[in-house]
Amino acid sequence: MNNKLKYFIYSQNSINTYKSCPTKFKYKYIDKINWKYDDIESREYYDSLKVGSEFHLLCERYFSNIPLGLNEYTNPKFKVWIDKIKNMFPMNKKNNKIYLPEYEVRFNLDGNIITAKYDLIIIDENSIEVWDWKTENVKLEYIKVKDRIQTVVYMFLAKEAVCKIFNLNIDYNNIKMKYYQPQYDDIPIEIIYNERQHELNKSNIIRYIDMINNTNYEKNDNYKYELIKNDKHCSFCEFNKLCNRQDVVYSMLEEDIYEC
C-alpha cells in the first residue's frame, strides 16, 4: 500500500475517480493536485457548482427547521425549487419520521474506513430513504444511476452504518434511494434494494478498495495493479490539460469533481 493511503478515508467520489481513471485518482488523491481554471470558459461550470451548493444549503436549513434566508437577492429559481421541496415534505405535519440533512457516516469495512455524506436521510419506523439533490443541467436517467458508485456506497452504508447508529433492524427491501432534480419534474428516480444487491455492493466496494490500495502509483515493485490511464475519460476530466495538453471541455466536466 502507498504510504499516502495509510489513513485514507474512502468515499463514493474517490472510488468513482479510480473507477473512471486510476491516473486521475493519483493526481487528485496521491499527488493532491487541485486543478482549477479561472477563465471565461470555466465560469459557467463553476457557477453551476455554486448553484448546487447554495440549493443544498437551503435544503439543509429547511430540514433543520431554521430560517432559509430567502430575500430579494435570492436566485428566483431557488424559490421555485424550495417550494417543490416543501410540497413534497410538509414539515408542519406531525409524524414520527427522523429527518437528517447533510448527514455523514463512517464505517469500518475490513479495516478500511469508508464514508458517505447524505443530502438527506429519512428514517421511519420500518424504512430508510436516502435522498440526493441534483442540480446539473443534464436530466438523469434510471439506467445511468442505478449502478453508479454513489448508489452502491450510499445504499450499502444506509444498511450497515445508519441502521447500526440508530439500532434499527430495517429489511433490505425497505431501503430506497431517490435522486431528485427540482428543475425538471416532481418525480424522483427511485432505486430499490434487496439482500442480493447488498452483498454485490459490498463485494464491489471491497474490490475497488483493494485495487486502489494495491496500484503501483510510484513505479515500485510488488504491486498487484499497474497504473493506467483511461483515455476514454479524458474529455470528462479536469486533468486533460495535464495529461494530454488539451483544453478542458467544461460542458462535459463532471459536477462533483471537487466534492470529498
Protein backbone atom coordinates (compact mmCIF):
# COMPACT_ATOMS: atom_id res chain seq x y z
CA MET A 1 0.00 0.00 0.00
CA ASN A 2 1.17 3.52 -0.79
CA ASN A 3 2.05 5.36 2.44
CA LYS A 4 -0.19 8.25 1.41
CA LEU A 5 -3.16 5.87 1.60
CA LYS A 6 -2.34 4.54 5.07
CA TYR A 7 -5.04 6.64 6.75
CA PHE A 8 -7.11 7.30 3.66
CA ILE A 9 -10.88 7.60 4.10
CA TYR A 10 -12.73 6.20 1.10
CA SER A 11 -15.83 7.87 -0.32
CA GLN A 12 -18.08 7.39 -3.30
CA ASN A 13 -16.22 10.17 -5.07
CA SER A 14 -12.73 8.78 -4.52
CA ILE A 15 -13.79 5.27 -5.56
CA ASN A 16 -15.58 6.64 -8.61
CA THR A 17 -12.49 8.67 -9.51
CA TYR A 18 -10.39 5.50 -9.52
CA LYS A 19 -13.05 3.64 -11.47
CA SER A 20 -13.08 6.44 -14.07
CA CYS A 21 -9.30 6.62 -14.35
CA PRO A 22 -6.57 5.40 -11.93
CA THR A 23 -4.22 8.15 -13.17
CA LYS A 24 -6.83 10.76 -12.28
CA PHE A 25 -7.02 9.21 -8.80
CA LYS A 26 -3.25 9.56 -8.47
CA TYR A 27 -3.30 13.23 -9.42
CA LYS A 28 -6.19 14.04 -7.12
CA TYR A 29 -5.58 11.90 -4.02
CA ILE A 30 -1.92 10.84 -4.10
CA ASP A 31 -0.33 13.97 -5.55
CA LYS A 32 -3.02 16.28 -4.06
CA ILE A 33 -3.33 18.38 -7.24
CA ASN A 34 -6.30 20.73 -7.24
CA TRP A 35 -6.62 21.64 -10.93
CA LYS A 36 -8.80 24.68 -11.34
CA TYR A 37 -9.08 27.28 -14.08
CA ASP A 38 -10.17 30.89 -13.87
CA ASP A 39 -11.09 31.80 -17.41
CA ILE A 40 -14.20 32.74 -19.34
CA GLU A 41 -14.98 29.19 -20.48
CA SER A 42 -14.83 27.81 -16.96
CA ARG A 43 -17.08 30.42 -15.32
CA GLU A 44 -20.36 28.79 -16.32
CA TYR A 45 -19.17 25.47 -14.91
CA TYR A 46 -18.10 26.91 -11.57
CA ASP A 47 -21.30 28.97 -11.42
CA SER A 48 -23.26 25.72 -11.75
CA LEU A 49 -21.29 24.26 -8.84
CA LYS A 50 -22.20 27.32 -6.79
CA VAL A 51 -25.89 26.87 -7.65
CA GLY A 52 -25.72 23.30 -6.41
CA SER A 53 -24.05 24.17 -3.11
CA GLU A 54 -26.47 27.04 -2.43
CA PHE A 55 -29.52 24.85 -3.08
CA HIS A 56 -28.10 22.14 -0.80
CA LEU A 57 -27.69 24.78 1.91
CA LEU A 58 -31.34 25.84 1.57
CA CYS A 59 -32.48 22.22 1.87
CA GLU A 60 -30.29 21.73 4.93
CA ARG A 61 -31.84 24.78 6.58
CA TYR A 62 -35.37 23.65 5.72
CA PHE A 63 -34.97 20.16 7.18
CA SER A 64 -33.14 21.59 10.20
CA ASN A 65 -36.13 23.87 10.81
CA ILE A 66 -34.13 27.10 10.69
CA PRO A 67 -34.86 30.24 8.61
CA LEU A 68 -34.00 29.82 4.93
CA GLY A 69 -32.73 33.35 4.50
CA LEU A 70 -34.62 33.97 1.25
CA ASN A 71 -34.76 37.62 0.17
CA GLU A 72 -35.00 39.83 -2.91
CA TYR A 73 -31.44 38.91 -3.86
CA THR A 74 -32.08 35.16 -3.83
CA ASN A 75 -31.92 33.38 -7.18
CA PRO A 76 -35.60 33.18 -8.30
CA LYS A 77 -35.33 29.52 -9.27
CA PHE A 78 -34.35 28.63 -5.71
CA LYS A 79 -37.75 29.85 -4.52
CA VAL A 80 -39.46 27.60 -7.07
CA TRP A 81 -37.29 24.63 -6.17
CA ILE A 82 -37.66 25.01 -2.41
CA ASP A 83 -41.44 25.27 -2.82
CA LYS A 84 -41.31 21.87 -4.50
CA ILE A 85 -39.35 20.51 -1.54
CA LYS A 86 -41.89 21.98 0.87
CA ASN A 87 -44.77 20.36 -1.03
CA MET A 88 -43.02 17.00 -1.00
CA PHE A 89 -42.01 17.23 2.65
CA PRO A 90 -44.52 19.36 4.64
CA MET A 91 -42.62 19.70 7.92
CA ASN A 92 -45.60 21.27 9.67
CA LYS A 93 -47.41 17.92 9.67
CA LYS A 94 -46.73 15.81 12.72
CA ASN A 95 -45.16 12.43 12.09
CA ASN A 96 -42.62 10.13 13.68
CA LYS A 97 -40.07 10.40 10.90
CA ILE A 98 -36.50 11.47 11.56
CA TYR A 99 -35.03 13.91 9.01
CA LEU A 100 -31.25 14.07 8.80
CA PRO A 101 -29.95 16.67 6.30
CA GLU A 102 -26.27 16.69 5.29
CA TYR A 103 -25.75 13.61 7.45
CA GLU A 104 -22.31 12.00 7.42
CA VAL A 105 -21.47 8.44 8.47
CA ARG A 106 -18.27 6.39 8.60
CA PHE A 107 -17.93 2.63 8.57
CA ASN A 108 -15.02 0.26 9.07
CA LEU A 109 -15.11 -2.24 6.23
CA ASP A 110 -12.44 -4.91 6.71
CA GLY A 111 -10.04 -2.39 8.23
CA ASN A 112 -10.72 0.37 5.69
CA ILE A 113 -12.78 3.44 6.61
CA ILE A 114 -15.47 4.40 4.13
CA THR A 115 -17.66 7.47 4.47
CA ALA A 116 -20.81 8.95 2.97
CA LYS A 117 -22.37 12.36 3.37
CA TYR A 118 -26.06 12.18 2.55
CA ASP A 119 -28.07 15.15 1.33
CA LEU A 120 -30.99 13.76 3.31
CA ILE A 121 -31.78 10.61 5.28
CA ILE A 122 -35.38 9.96 6.28
CA ILE A 123 -35.88 7.30 8.93
CA ASP A 124 -39.34 5.92 9.54
CA GLU A 125 -40.38 3.09 11.84
CA ASN A 126 -39.67 0.41 9.25
CA SER A 127 -37.87 2.16 6.41
CA ILE A 128 -34.96 4.33 5.36
CA GLU A 129 -34.98 6.74 2.43
CA VAL A 130 -31.78 8.20 1.01
CA TRP A 131 -32.34 11.44 -0.95
CA ASP A 132 -29.81 13.11 -3.20
CA TRP A 133 -30.37 16.54 -4.78
CA LYS A 134 -29.01 17.01 -8.30
CA THR A 135 -28.95 20.45 -9.94
CA GLU A 136 -26.87 19.85 -13.06
CA ASN A 137 -28.39 20.72 -16.42
CA VAL A 138 -28.42 17.14 -17.71
CA LYS A 139 -31.52 15.12 -16.91
CA LEU A 140 -30.66 11.89 -15.10
CA GLU A 141 -31.92 8.50 -16.22
CA TYR A 142 -32.62 5.44 -14.06
CA ILE A 143 -30.37 3.20 -16.13
CA LYS A 144 -27.41 5.53 -15.51
CA VAL A 145 -27.82 5.97 -11.76
CA LYS A 146 -28.93 2.56 -10.51
CA ASP A 147 -25.40 1.10 -10.65
CA ARG A 148 -23.28 4.24 -10.15
CA ILE A 149 -20.76 4.17 -7.34
CA GLN A 150 -22.72 6.77 -5.37
CA THR A 151 -25.76 4.48 -5.33
CA VAL A 152 -23.62 1.47 -4.37
CA VAL A 153 -21.86 3.22 -1.47
CA TYR A 154 -24.84 5.17 -0.14
CA MET A 155 -27.23 2.22 -0.03
CA PHE A 156 -24.60 -0.11 1.43
CA LEU A 157 -23.83 2.34 4.25
CA ALA A 158 -27.52 3.03 4.85
CA LYS A 159 -27.90 -0.61 5.81
CA GLU A 160 -24.57 -1.10 7.57
CA ALA A 161 -23.91 2.28 9.23
CA VAL A 162 -27.20 4.17 9.58
CA CYS A 163 -29.05 1.12 10.89
CA LYS A 164 -26.25 0.47 13.39
CA ILE A 165 -26.16 4.07 14.62
CA PHE A 166 -29.91 4.13 15.28
CA ASN A 167 -30.14 0.49 16.38
CA LEU A 168 -32.55 -0.36 13.58
CA ASN A 169 -33.41 -3.69 12.02
CA ILE A 170 -34.62 -2.45 8.65
CA ASP A 171 -35.26 -5.02 5.95
CA TYR A 172 -33.20 -4.59 2.78
CA ASN A 173 -36.39 -4.18 0.75
CA ASN A 174 -37.37 -1.16 2.85
CA ILE A 175 -34.26 0.83 1.97
CA LYS A 176 -34.61 3.16 -1.02
CA MET A 177 -32.50 5.80 -2.68
CA LYS A 178 -34.07 8.71 -4.55
CA TYR A 179 -32.35 11.13 -6.92
CA TYR A 180 -34.27 14.36 -7.31
CA GLN A 181 -33.76 17.15 -9.87
CA PRO A 182 -36.06 20.05 -8.94
CA GLN A 183 -35.56 21.86 -12.27
CA TYR A 184 -37.13 19.04 -14.28
CA ASP A 185 -40.11 17.47 -12.54
CA ASP A 186 -41.61 16.42 -9.21
CA ILE A 187 -40.91 12.70 -9.52
CA PRO A 188 -37.57 11.42 -8.20
CA ILE A 189 -35.70 8.47 -9.66
CA GLU A 190 -36.17 5.66 -7.14
CA ILE A 191 -33.70 2.82 -6.57
CA ILE A 192 -34.96 -0.15 -4.55
CA TYR A 193 -32.78 -2.56 -2.59
CA ASN A 194 -32.51 -6.22 -1.65
CA GLU A 195 -30.10 -8.55 0.16
CA ARG A 196 -28.54 -9.88 -3.02
CA GLN A 197 -27.77 -6.33 -4.20
CA HIS A 198 -26.33 -5.51 -0.79
CA GLU A 199 -23.84 -8.38 -0.95
CA LEU A 200 -22.94 -7.43 -4.51
CA ASN A 201 -22.38 -3.82 -3.43
CA LYS A 202 -20.16 -4.97 -0.59
CA SER A 203 -18.00 -7.14 -2.85
CA ASN A 204 -17.67 -4.32 -5.40
CA ILE A 205 -16.61 -1.80 -2.74
CA ILE A 206 -14.04 -4.24 -1.33
CA ARG A 207 -12.75 -4.98 -4.84
CA TYR A 208 -12.25 -1.30 -5.69
CA ILE A 209 -10.59 -0.55 -2.36
CA ASP A 210 -8.20 -3.47 -2.94
CA MET A 211 -7.36 -2.10 -6.39
CA ILE A 212 -6.81 1.41 -5.02
CA ASN A 213 -4.59 0.13 -2.21
CA ASN A 214 -2.52 -2.09 -4.47
CA THR A 215 -1.94 0.08 -7.54
CA ASN A 216 1.63 0.98 -8.47
CA TYR A 217 1.40 4.79 -8.25
CA GLU A 218 5.13 5.38 -7.76
CA LYS A 219 6.56 2.80 -10.21
CA ASN A 220 7.78 0.49 -7.46
CA ASP A 221 7.82 -3.30 -7.35
CA ASN A 222 5.46 -5.74 -5.66
CA TYR A 223 2.14 -4.12 -6.58
CA LYS A 224 -0.79 -6.11 -7.98
CA TYR A 225 -2.02 -3.43 -10.40
CA GLU A 226 -0.13 -1.17 -12.78
CA LEU A 227 -1.14 2.46 -13.06
CA ILE A 228 -3.16 3.01 -16.23
CA LYS A 229 -4.83 5.96 -17.92
CA ASN A 230 -8.38 5.69 -19.24
CA ASP A 231 -8.19 7.62 -22.49
CA LYS A 232 -11.97 7.37 -22.95
CA HIS A 233 -12.44 9.51 -19.85
CA CYS A 234 -10.08 12.34 -20.82
CA SER A 235 -12.76 14.62 -22.29
CA PHE A 236 -14.63 14.46 -18.97
CA CYS A 237 -11.56 15.09 -16.80
CA GLU A 238 -10.22 18.29 -15.27
CA PHE A 239 -6.68 16.91 -15.73
CA ASN A 240 -6.98 16.69 -19.52
CA LYS A 241 -4.61 19.64 -19.86
CA LEU A 242 -2.04 17.99 -17.63
CA CYS A 243 -2.21 14.57 -19.28
CA ASN A 244 -2.76 15.43 -22.92
CA ARG A 245 -2.05 19.15 -23.30
CA GLN A 246 -5.66 19.58 -24.39
CA ASP A 247 -8.15 22.14 -23.15
CA VAL A 248 -10.76 21.07 -20.64
CA VAL A 249 -14.27 20.82 -22.12
CA TYR A 250 -16.27 22.31 -19.24
CA SER A 251 -19.62 21.43 -20.75
CA MET A 252 -18.69 17.76 -20.31
CA LEU A 253 -16.95 18.04 -16.95
CA GLU A 254 -18.34 16.08 -14.01
CA GLU A 255 -20.32 18.11 -11.49
CA ASP A 256 -18.83 16.58 -8.35
CA ILE A 257 -15.09 16.67 -9.04
CA TYR A 258 -14.41 18.92 -6.06
CA GLU A 259 -16.53 17.02 -3.57
CA CYS A 260 -14.87 14.83 -0.95
